[in-house]
PDB file of all heavy atoms in Angstrom:
ATOM      1  N   LEU A   1       4.027   5.636  -3.465  1.00  0.00           N
ATOM      2  CA  LEU A   1       4.508   5.239  -4.776  1.00  0.00           C
ATOM      3  C   LEU A   1       3.576   5.865  -5.804  1.00  0.00           C
ATOM      4  O   LEU A   1       2.357   5.756  -5.683  1.00  0.00           O
ATOM      5  CB  LEU A   1       4.494   3.711  -4.895  1.00  0.00           C
ATOM      6  CG  LEU A   1       4.928   3.093  -6.202  1.00  0.00           C
ATOM      7  CD1 LEU A   1       6.417   3.309  -6.425  1.00  0.00           C
ATOM      8  CD2 LEU A   1       4.620   1.608  -6.195  1.00  0.00           C
ATOM      9  N   ALA A   2       4.144   6.538  -6.788  1.00  0.00           N
ATOM     10  CA  ALA A   2       3.345   7.131  -7.856  1.00  0.00           C
ATOM     11  C   ALA A   2       3.696   6.433  -9.165  1.00  0.00           C
ATOM     12  O   ALA A   2       4.860   6.199  -9.452  1.00  0.00           O
ATOM     13  CB  ALA A   2       3.624   8.628  -7.968  1.00  0.00           C
ATOM     14  N   LEU A   3       2.668   6.081  -9.918  1.00  0.00           N
ATOM     15  CA  LEU A   3       2.899   5.495 -11.235  1.00  0.00           C
ATOM     16  C   LEU A   3       1.741   5.830 -12.147  1.00  0.00           C
ATOM     17  O   LEU A   3       0.679   6.235 -11.692  1.00  0.00           O
ATOM     18  CB  LEU A   3       3.157   3.996 -11.161  1.00  0.00           C
ATOM     19  CG  LEU A   3       2.038   3.062 -10.771  1.00  0.00           C
ATOM     20  CD1 LEU A   3       2.338   1.681 -11.330  1.00  0.00           C
ATOM     21  CD2 LEU A   3       1.943   2.943  -9.275  1.00  0.00           C
ATOM     22  N   ASP A   4       1.975   5.674 -13.433  1.00  0.00           N
ATOM     23  CA  ASP A   4       0.955   5.988 -14.434  1.00  0.00           C
ATOM     24  C   ASP A   4       0.052   4.791 -14.647  1.00  0.00           C
ATOM     25  O   ASP A   4       0.420   3.649 -14.359  1.00  0.00           O
ATOM     26  CB  ASP A   4       1.613   6.354 -15.766  1.00  0.00           C
ATOM     27  CG  ASP A   4       2.425   7.640 -15.693  1.00  0.00           C
ATOM     28  OD1 ASP A   4       2.163   8.461 -14.793  1.00  0.00           O
ATOM     29  OD2 ASP A   4       3.324   7.813 -16.531  1.00  0.00           O
ATOM     30  N   VAL A   5      -1.123   5.056 -15.199  1.00  0.00           N
ATOM     31  CA  VAL A   5      -2.027   3.984 -15.595  1.00  0.00           C
ATOM     32  C   VAL A   5      -1.297   3.094 -16.598  1.00  0.00           C
ATOM     33  O   VAL A   5      -0.585   3.585 -17.473  1.00  0.00           O
ATOM     34  CB  VAL A   5      -3.312   4.565 -16.220  1.00  0.00           C
ATOM     35  CG1 VAL A   5      -4.196   3.470 -16.805  1.00  0.00           C
ATOM     36  CG2 VAL A   5      -4.086   5.377 -15.190  1.00  0.00           C
ATOM     37  N   ASP A   6      -1.428   1.802 -16.460  1.00  0.00           N
ATOM     38  CA  ASP A   6      -0.813   0.792 -17.327  1.00  0.00           C
ATOM     39  C   ASP A   6       0.706   0.760 -17.219  1.00  0.00           C
ATOM     40  O   ASP A   6       1.378   0.220 -18.083  1.00  0.00           O
ATOM     41  CB  ASP A   6      -1.218   0.974 -18.796  1.00  0.00           C
ATOM     42  CG  ASP A   6      -2.705   0.779 -19.006  1.00  0.00           C
ATOM     43  OD1 ASP A   6      -3.316  -0.009 -18.254  1.00  0.00           O
ATOM     44  OD2 ASP A   6      -3.271   1.408 -19.910  1.00  0.00           O
ATOM     45  N   ASP A   7       1.260   1.336 -16.155  1.00  0.00           N
ATOM     46  CA  ASP A   7       2.694   1.297 -15.912  1.00  0.00           C
ATOM     47  C   ASP A   7       2.951   0.301 -14.782  1.00  0.00           C
ATOM     48  O   ASP A   7       2.046  -0.053 -14.036  1.00  0.00           O
ATOM     49  CB  ASP A   7       3.192   2.690 -15.521  1.00  0.00           C
ATOM     50  CG  ASP A   7       4.712   2.799 -15.528  1.00  0.00           C
ATOM     51  OD1 ASP A   7       5.373   1.877 -16.061  1.00  0.00           O
ATOM     52  OD2 ASP A   7       5.228   3.794 -15.001  1.00  0.00           O
ATOM     53  N   ALA A   8       4.178  -0.145 -14.665  1.00  0.00           N
ATOM     54  CA  ALA A   8       4.545  -1.082 -13.601  1.00  0.00           C
ATOM     55  C   ALA A   8       5.830  -0.611 -12.945  1.00  0.00           C
ATOM     56  O   ALA A   8       6.684  -0.017 -13.596  1.00  0.00           O
ATOM     57  CB  ALA A   8       4.734  -2.487 -14.172  1.00  0.00           C
ATOM     58  N   LYS A   9       5.937  -0.861 -11.653  1.00  0.00           N
ATOM     59  CA  LYS A   9       7.165  -0.548 -10.920  1.00  0.00           C
ATOM     60  C   LYS A   9       7.536  -1.739 -10.060  1.00  0.00           C
ATOM     61  O   LYS A   9       6.691  -2.482  -9.584  1.00  0.00           O
ATOM     62  CB  LYS A   9       6.978   0.686 -10.045  1.00  0.00           C
ATOM     63  CG  LYS A   9       6.905   1.957 -10.852  1.00  0.00           C
ATOM     64  CD  LYS A   9       7.228   3.166 -10.043  1.00  0.00           C
ATOM     65  CE  LYS A   9       7.217   4.379 -10.971  1.00  0.00           C
ATOM     66  NZ  LYS A   9       7.350   5.612 -10.263  1.00  0.00           N
ATOM     67  N   LEU A  10       8.834  -1.884  -9.870  1.00  0.00           N
ATOM     68  CA  LEU A  10       9.396  -2.957  -9.071  1.00  0.00           C
ATOM     69  C   LEU A  10       9.872  -2.365  -7.751  1.00  0.00           C
ATOM     70  O   LEU A  10      10.610  -1.387  -7.741  1.00  0.00           O
ATOM     71  CB  LEU A  10      10.571  -3.575  -9.833  1.00  0.00           C
ATOM     72  CG  LEU A  10      11.096  -4.908  -9.392  1.00  0.00           C
ATOM     73  CD1 LEU A  10      10.027  -5.977  -9.475  1.00  0.00           C
ATOM     74  CD2 LEU A  10      12.272  -5.287 -10.266  1.00  0.00           C
ATOM     75  N   VAL A  11       9.441  -2.956  -6.638  1.00  0.00           N
ATOM     76  CA  VAL A  11       9.822  -2.488  -5.308  1.00  0.00           C
ATOM     77  C   VAL A  11      10.563  -3.622  -4.614  1.00  0.00           C
ATOM     78  O   VAL A  11      10.010  -4.715  -4.445  1.00  0.00           O
ATOM     79  CB  VAL A  11       8.579  -2.090  -4.477  1.00  0.00           C
ATOM     80  CG1 VAL A  11       8.979  -1.651  -3.079  1.00  0.00           C
ATOM     81  CG2 VAL A  11       7.784  -1.008  -5.183  1.00  0.00           C
ATOM     82  N   LYS A  12      11.822  -3.384  -4.240  1.00  0.00           N
ATOM     83  CA  LYS A  12      12.605  -4.395  -3.547  1.00  0.00           C
ATOM     84  C   LYS A  12      12.245  -4.374  -2.065  1.00  0.00           C
ATOM     85  O   LYS A  12      12.170  -3.314  -1.450  1.00  0.00           O
ATOM     86  CB  LYS A  12      14.100  -4.148  -3.725  1.00  0.00           C
ATOM     87  CG  LYS A  12      14.936  -5.272  -3.178  1.00  0.00           C
ATOM     88  CD  LYS A  12      16.380  -5.142  -3.569  1.00  0.00           C
ATOM     89  CE  LYS A  12      17.127  -6.351  -3.008  1.00  0.00           C
ATOM     90  NZ  LYS A  12      18.539  -6.261  -3.257  1.00  0.00           N
ATOM     91  N   LEU A  13      12.012  -5.543  -1.505  1.00  0.00           N
ATOM     92  CA  LEU A  13      11.619  -5.672  -0.104  1.00  0.00           C
ATOM     93  C   LEU A  13      12.760  -6.243   0.718  1.00  0.00           C
ATOM     94  O   LEU A  13      13.527  -7.072   0.234  1.00  0.00           O
ATOM     95  CB  LEU A  13      10.391  -6.575   0.011  1.00  0.00           C
ATOM     96  CG  LEU A  13       9.165  -6.098  -0.767  1.00  0.00           C
ATOM     97  CD1 LEU A  13       8.117  -7.193  -0.818  1.00  0.00           C
ATOM     98  CD2 LEU A  13       8.604  -4.831  -0.155  1.00  0.00           C
ATOM     99  N   ALA A  14      12.857  -5.819   1.962  1.00  0.00           N
ATOM    100  CA  ALA A  14      13.899  -6.305   2.864  1.00  0.00           C
ATOM    101  C   ALA A  14      13.361  -7.509   3.635  1.00  0.00           C
ATOM    102  O   ALA A  14      13.100  -7.449   4.825  1.00  0.00           O
ATOM    103  CB  ALA A  14      14.333  -5.198   3.820  1.00  0.00           C
ATOM    104  N   GLY A  15      13.158  -8.588   2.943  1.00  0.00           N
ATOM    105  CA  GLY A  15      12.628  -9.804   3.539  1.00  0.00           C
ATOM    106  C   GLY A  15      11.867 -10.577   2.485  1.00  0.00           C
ATOM    107  O   GLY A  15      11.654 -10.103   1.368  1.00  0.00           O
ATOM    108  N   GLU A  16      11.435 -11.782   2.858  1.00  0.00           N
ATOM    109  CA  GLU A  16      10.699 -12.620   1.916  1.00  0.00           C
ATOM    110  C   GLU A  16       9.203 -12.447   2.135  1.00  0.00           C
ATOM    111  O   GLU A  16       8.671 -12.818   3.173  1.00  0.00           O
ATOM    112  CB  GLU A  16      11.088 -14.084   2.089  1.00  0.00           C
ATOM    113  CG  GLU A  16      10.564 -14.953   0.982  1.00  0.00           C
ATOM    114  CD  GLU A  16      11.114 -16.371   1.062  1.00  0.00           C
ATOM    115  OE1 GLU A  16      12.087 -16.601   1.782  1.00  0.00           O
ATOM    116  OE2 GLU A  16      10.528 -17.224   0.389  1.00  0.00           O
ATOM    117  N   PRO A  17       8.506 -11.863   1.167  1.00  0.00           N
ATOM    118  CA  PRO A  17       7.075 -11.601   1.337  1.00  0.00           C
ATOM    119  C   PRO A  17       6.237 -12.866   1.225  1.00  0.00           C
ATOM    120  O   PRO A  17       6.591 -13.802   0.518  1.00  0.00           O
ATOM    121  CB  PRO A  17       6.759 -10.633   0.206  1.00  0.00           C
ATOM    122  CG  PRO A  17       7.795 -10.893  -0.821  1.00  0.00           C
ATOM    123  CD  PRO A  17       9.013 -11.352  -0.095  1.00  0.00           C
ATOM    124  N   SER A  18       5.131 -12.861   1.944  1.00  0.00           N
ATOM    125  CA  SER A  18       4.192 -13.972   1.910  1.00  0.00           C
ATOM    126  C   SER A  18       2.809 -13.516   1.462  1.00  0.00           C
ATOM    127  O   SER A  18       2.155 -14.188   0.694  1.00  0.00           O
ATOM    128  CB  SER A  18       4.098 -14.604   3.294  1.00  0.00           C
ATOM    129  OG  SER A  18       3.013 -15.487   3.377  1.00  0.00           O
ATOM    130  N   THR A  19       2.382 -12.366   1.958  1.00  0.00           N
ATOM    131  CA  THR A  19       1.022 -11.886   1.718  1.00  0.00           C
ATOM    132  C   THR A  19       1.055 -10.450   1.214  1.00  0.00           C
ATOM    133  O   THR A  19       1.806  -9.630   1.741  1.00  0.00           O
ATOM    134  CB  THR A  19       0.208 -11.943   3.028  1.00  0.00           C
ATOM    135  OG1 THR A  19       0.233 -13.271   3.535  1.00  0.00           O
ATOM    136  CG2 THR A  19      -1.227 -11.516   2.806  1.00  0.00           C
ATOM    137  N   VAL A  20       0.212 -10.174   0.218  1.00  0.00           N
ATOM    138  CA  VAL A  20       0.060  -8.812  -0.290  1.00  0.00           C
ATOM    139  C   VAL A  20      -1.412  -8.451  -0.171  1.00  0.00           C
ATOM    140  O   VAL A  20      -2.279  -9.204  -0.615  1.00  0.00           O
ATOM    141  CB  VAL A  20       0.492  -8.693  -1.767  1.00  0.00           C
ATOM    142  CG1 VAL A  20       0.252  -7.290  -2.277  1.00  0.00           C
ATOM    143  CG2 VAL A  20       1.933  -9.081  -1.937  1.00  0.00           C
ATOM    144  N   VAL A  21      -1.676  -7.289   0.429  1.00  0.00           N
ATOM    145  CA  VAL A  21      -3.036  -6.791   0.556  1.00  0.00           C
ATOM    146  C   VAL A  21      -3.132  -5.479  -0.218  1.00  0.00           C
ATOM    147  O   VAL A  21      -2.345  -4.564   0.019  1.00  0.00           O
ATOM    148  CB  VAL A  21      -3.403  -6.544   2.040  1.00  0.00           C
ATOM    149  CG1 VAL A  21      -4.812  -5.984   2.164  1.00  0.00           C
ATOM    150  CG2 VAL A  21      -3.246  -7.820   2.852  1.00  0.00           C
ATOM    151  N   VAL A  22      -4.082  -5.417  -1.154  1.00  0.00           N
ATOM    152  CA  VAL A  22      -4.343  -4.192  -1.911  1.00  0.00           C
ATOM    153  C   VAL A  22      -5.726  -3.726  -1.481  1.00  0.00           C
ATOM    154  O   VAL A  22      -6.713  -4.432  -1.693  1.00  0.00           O
ATOM    155  CB  VAL A  22      -4.296  -4.444  -3.433  1.00  0.00           C
ATOM    156  CG1 VAL A  22      -4.588  -3.169  -4.198  1.00  0.00           C
ATOM    157  CG2 VAL A  22      -2.954  -5.028  -3.838  1.00  0.00           C
ATOM    158  N   SER A  23      -5.802  -2.530  -0.889  1.00  0.00           N
ATOM    159  CA  SER A  23      -7.076  -2.080  -0.330  1.00  0.00           C
ATOM    160  C   SER A  23      -8.142  -1.856  -1.394  1.00  0.00           C
ATOM    161  O   SER A  23      -9.311  -2.111  -1.149  1.00  0.00           O
ATOM    162  CB  SER A  23      -6.892  -0.822   0.519  1.00  0.00           C
ATOM    163  OG  SER A  23      -6.481   0.264  -0.287  1.00  0.00           O
ATOM    164  N   ASN A  24      -7.769  -1.381  -2.566  1.00  0.00           N
ATOM    165  CA  ASN A  24      -8.737  -1.210  -3.647  1.00  0.00           C
ATOM    166  C   ASN A  24      -8.098  -1.638  -4.963  1.00  0.00           C
ATOM    167  O   ASN A  24      -7.428  -0.847  -5.628  1.00  0.00           O
ATOM    168  CB  ASN A  24      -9.216   0.236  -3.732  1.00  0.00           C
ATOM    169  CG  ASN A  24     -10.426   0.369  -4.627  1.00  0.00           C
ATOM    170  OD1 ASN A  24     -10.653  -0.455  -5.514  1.00  0.00           O
ATOM    171  ND2 ASN A  24     -11.218   1.400  -4.410  1.00  0.00           N
ATOM    172  N   PRO A  25      -8.306  -2.897  -5.357  1.00  0.00           N
ATOM    173  CA  PRO A  25      -7.681  -3.420  -6.577  1.00  0.00           C
ATOM    174  C   PRO A  25      -8.201  -2.800  -7.865  1.00  0.00           C
ATOM    175  O   PRO A  25      -7.715  -3.111  -8.931  1.00  0.00           O
ATOM    176  CB  PRO A  25      -7.979  -4.920  -6.524  1.00  0.00           C
ATOM    177  CG  PRO A  25      -9.053  -5.088  -5.521  1.00  0.00           C
ATOM    178  CD  PRO A  25      -9.047  -3.898  -4.624  1.00  0.00           C
ATOM    179  N   MET A  26      -9.156  -1.884  -7.771  1.00  0.00           N
ATOM    180  CA  MET A  26      -9.625  -1.181  -8.958  1.00  0.00           C
ATOM    181  C   MET A  26      -8.548  -0.212  -9.469  1.00  0.00           C
ATOM    182  O   MET A  26      -8.480   0.081 -10.656  1.00  0.00           O
ATOM    183  CB  MET A  26     -10.891  -0.395  -8.618  1.00  0.00           C
ATOM    184  CG  MET A  26     -11.558   0.253  -9.782  1.00  0.00           C
ATOM    185  SD  MET A  26     -13.189   0.805  -9.285  1.00  0.00           S
ATOM    186  CE  MET A  26     -12.989   2.551  -9.472  1.00  0.00           C
ATOM    187  N   PHE A  27      -7.669   0.244  -8.577  1.00  0.00           N
ATOM    188  CA  PHE A  27      -6.669   1.241  -8.951  1.00  0.00           C
ATOM    189  C   PHE A  27      -5.289   0.645  -9.219  1.00  0.00           C
ATOM    190  O   PHE A  27      -4.554   1.159 -10.040  1.00  0.00           O
ATOM    191  CB  PHE A  27      -6.561   2.321  -7.874  1.00  0.00           C
ATOM    192  CG  PHE A  27      -7.866   3.026  -7.650  1.00  0.00           C
ATOM    193  CD1 PHE A  27      -8.497   2.972  -6.434  1.00  0.00           C
ATOM    194  CD2 PHE A  27      -8.484   3.721  -8.682  1.00  0.00           C
ATOM    195  CE1 PHE A  27      -9.706   3.612  -6.228  1.00  0.00           C
ATOM    196  CE2 PHE A  27      -9.700   4.357  -8.490  1.00  0.00           C
ATOM    197  CZ  PHE A  27     -10.312   4.300  -7.262  1.00  0.00           C
ATOM    198  N   ALA A  28      -4.914  -0.408  -8.498  1.00  0.00           N
ATOM    199  CA  ALA A  28      -3.587  -1.002  -8.695  1.00  0.00           C
ATOM    200  C   ALA A  28      -3.653  -2.484  -8.380  1.00  0.00           C
ATOM    201  O   ALA A  28      -4.535  -2.955  -7.660  1.00  0.00           O
ATOM    202  CB  ALA A  28      -2.556  -0.320  -7.800  1.00  0.00           C
ATOM    203  N   ASP A  29      -2.688  -3.197  -8.932  1.00  0.00           N
ATOM    204  CA  ASP A  29      -2.546  -4.628  -8.675  1.00  0.00           C
ATOM    205  C   ASP A  29      -1.111  -4.861  -8.237  1.00  0.00           C
ATOM    206  O   ASP A  29      -0.214  -4.093  -8.603  1.00  0.00           O
ATOM    207  CB  ASP A  29      -2.854  -5.423  -9.942  1.00  0.00           C
ATOM    208  CG  ASP A  29      -3.069  -6.895  -9.667  1.00  0.00           C
ATOM    209  OD1 ASP A  29      -3.134  -7.289  -8.478  1.00  0.00           O
ATOM    210  OD2 ASP A  29      -3.167  -7.670 -10.635  1.00  0.00           O
ATOM    211  N   ALA A  30      -0.889  -5.893  -7.451  1.00  0.00           N
ATOM    212  CA  ALA A  30       0.458  -6.185  -6.970  1.00  0.00           C
ATOM    213  C   ALA A  30       0.674  -7.688  -6.938  1.00  0.00           C
ATOM    214  O   ALA A  30      -0.247  -8.449  -6.660  1.00  0.00           O
ATOM    215  CB  ALA A  30       0.664  -5.594  -5.578  1.00  0.00           C
ATOM    216  N   SER A  31       1.903  -8.098  -7.247  1.00  0.00           N
ATOM    217  CA  SER A  31       2.259  -9.512  -7.164  1.00  0.00           C
ATOM    218  C   SER A  31       3.679  -9.633  -6.636  1.00  0.00           C
ATOM    219  O   SER A  31       4.471  -8.708  -6.710  1.00  0.00           O
ATOM    220  CB  SER A  31       2.119 -10.197  -8.526  1.00  0.00           C
ATOM    221  OG  SER A  31       3.000  -9.614  -9.455  1.00  0.00           O
ATOM    222  N   ILE A  32       3.970 -10.808  -6.099  1.00  0.00           N
ATOM    223  CA  ILE A  32       5.271 -11.082  -5.495  1.00  0.00           C
ATOM    224  C   ILE A  32       6.118 -11.859  -6.487  1.00  0.00           C
ATOM    225  O   ILE A  32       5.656 -12.815  -7.112  1.00  0.00           O
ATOM    226  CB  ILE A  32       5.100 -11.924  -4.211  1.00  0.00           C
ATOM    227  CG1 ILE A  32       4.286 -11.162  -3.174  1.00  0.00           C
ATOM    228  CG2 ILE A  32       6.443 -12.328  -3.649  1.00  0.00           C
ATOM    229  CD1 ILE A  32       3.859 -12.019  -1.999  1.00  0.00           C
ATOM    230  N   GLN A  33       7.372 -11.455  -6.613  1.00  0.00           N
ATOM    231  CA  GLN A  33       8.354 -12.175  -7.419  1.00  0.00           C
ATOM    232  C   GLN A  33       9.633 -12.226  -6.594  1.00  0.00           C
ATOM    233  O   GLN A  33      10.389 -11.267  -6.571  1.00  0.00           O
ATOM    234  CB  GLN A  33       8.570 -11.455  -8.754  1.00  0.00           C
ATOM    235  CG  GLN A  33       9.429 -12.195  -9.732  1.00  0.00           C
ATOM    236  CD  GLN A  33       8.744 -13.434 -10.272  1.00  0.00           C
ATOM    237  OE1 GLN A  33       7.538 -13.518 -10.347  1.00  0.00           O
ATOM    238  NE2 GLN A  33       9.530 -14.414 -10.639  1.00  0.00           N
ATOM    239  N   GLY A  34       9.866 -13.334  -5.893  1.00  0.00           N
ATOM    240  CA  GLY A  34      11.026 -13.430  -5.008  1.00  0.00           C
ATOM    241  C   GLY A  34      10.883 -12.456  -3.857  1.00  0.00           C
ATOM    242  O   GLY A  34       9.866 -12.448  -3.177  1.00  0.00           O
ATOM    243  N   ASN A  35      11.902 -11.613  -3.646  1.00  0.00           N
ATOM    244  CA  ASN A  35      11.808 -10.599  -2.590  1.00  0.00           C
ATOM    245  C   ASN A  35      11.439  -9.237  -3.177  1.00  0.00           C
ATOM    246  O   ASN A  35      11.753  -8.198  -2.614  1.00  0.00           O
ATOM    247  CB  ASN A  35      13.117 -10.510  -1.800  1.00  0.00           C
ATOM    248  CG  ASN A  35      14.246  -9.931  -2.628  1.00  0.00           C
ATOM    249  OD1 ASN A  35      14.232  -9.994  -3.858  1.00  0.00           O
ATOM    250  ND2 ASN A  35      15.224  -9.366  -1.957  1.00  0.00           N
TER     251      ASN A  35
END
């Protein structure tokens, strides 16, 4: 996934997510909203 600094993208998942792991949160952040 490529995105710009201060940009956001929505990724649809095929299932209900429970856990998100970001290996280096200095570069990107992620949160769950439904699926």
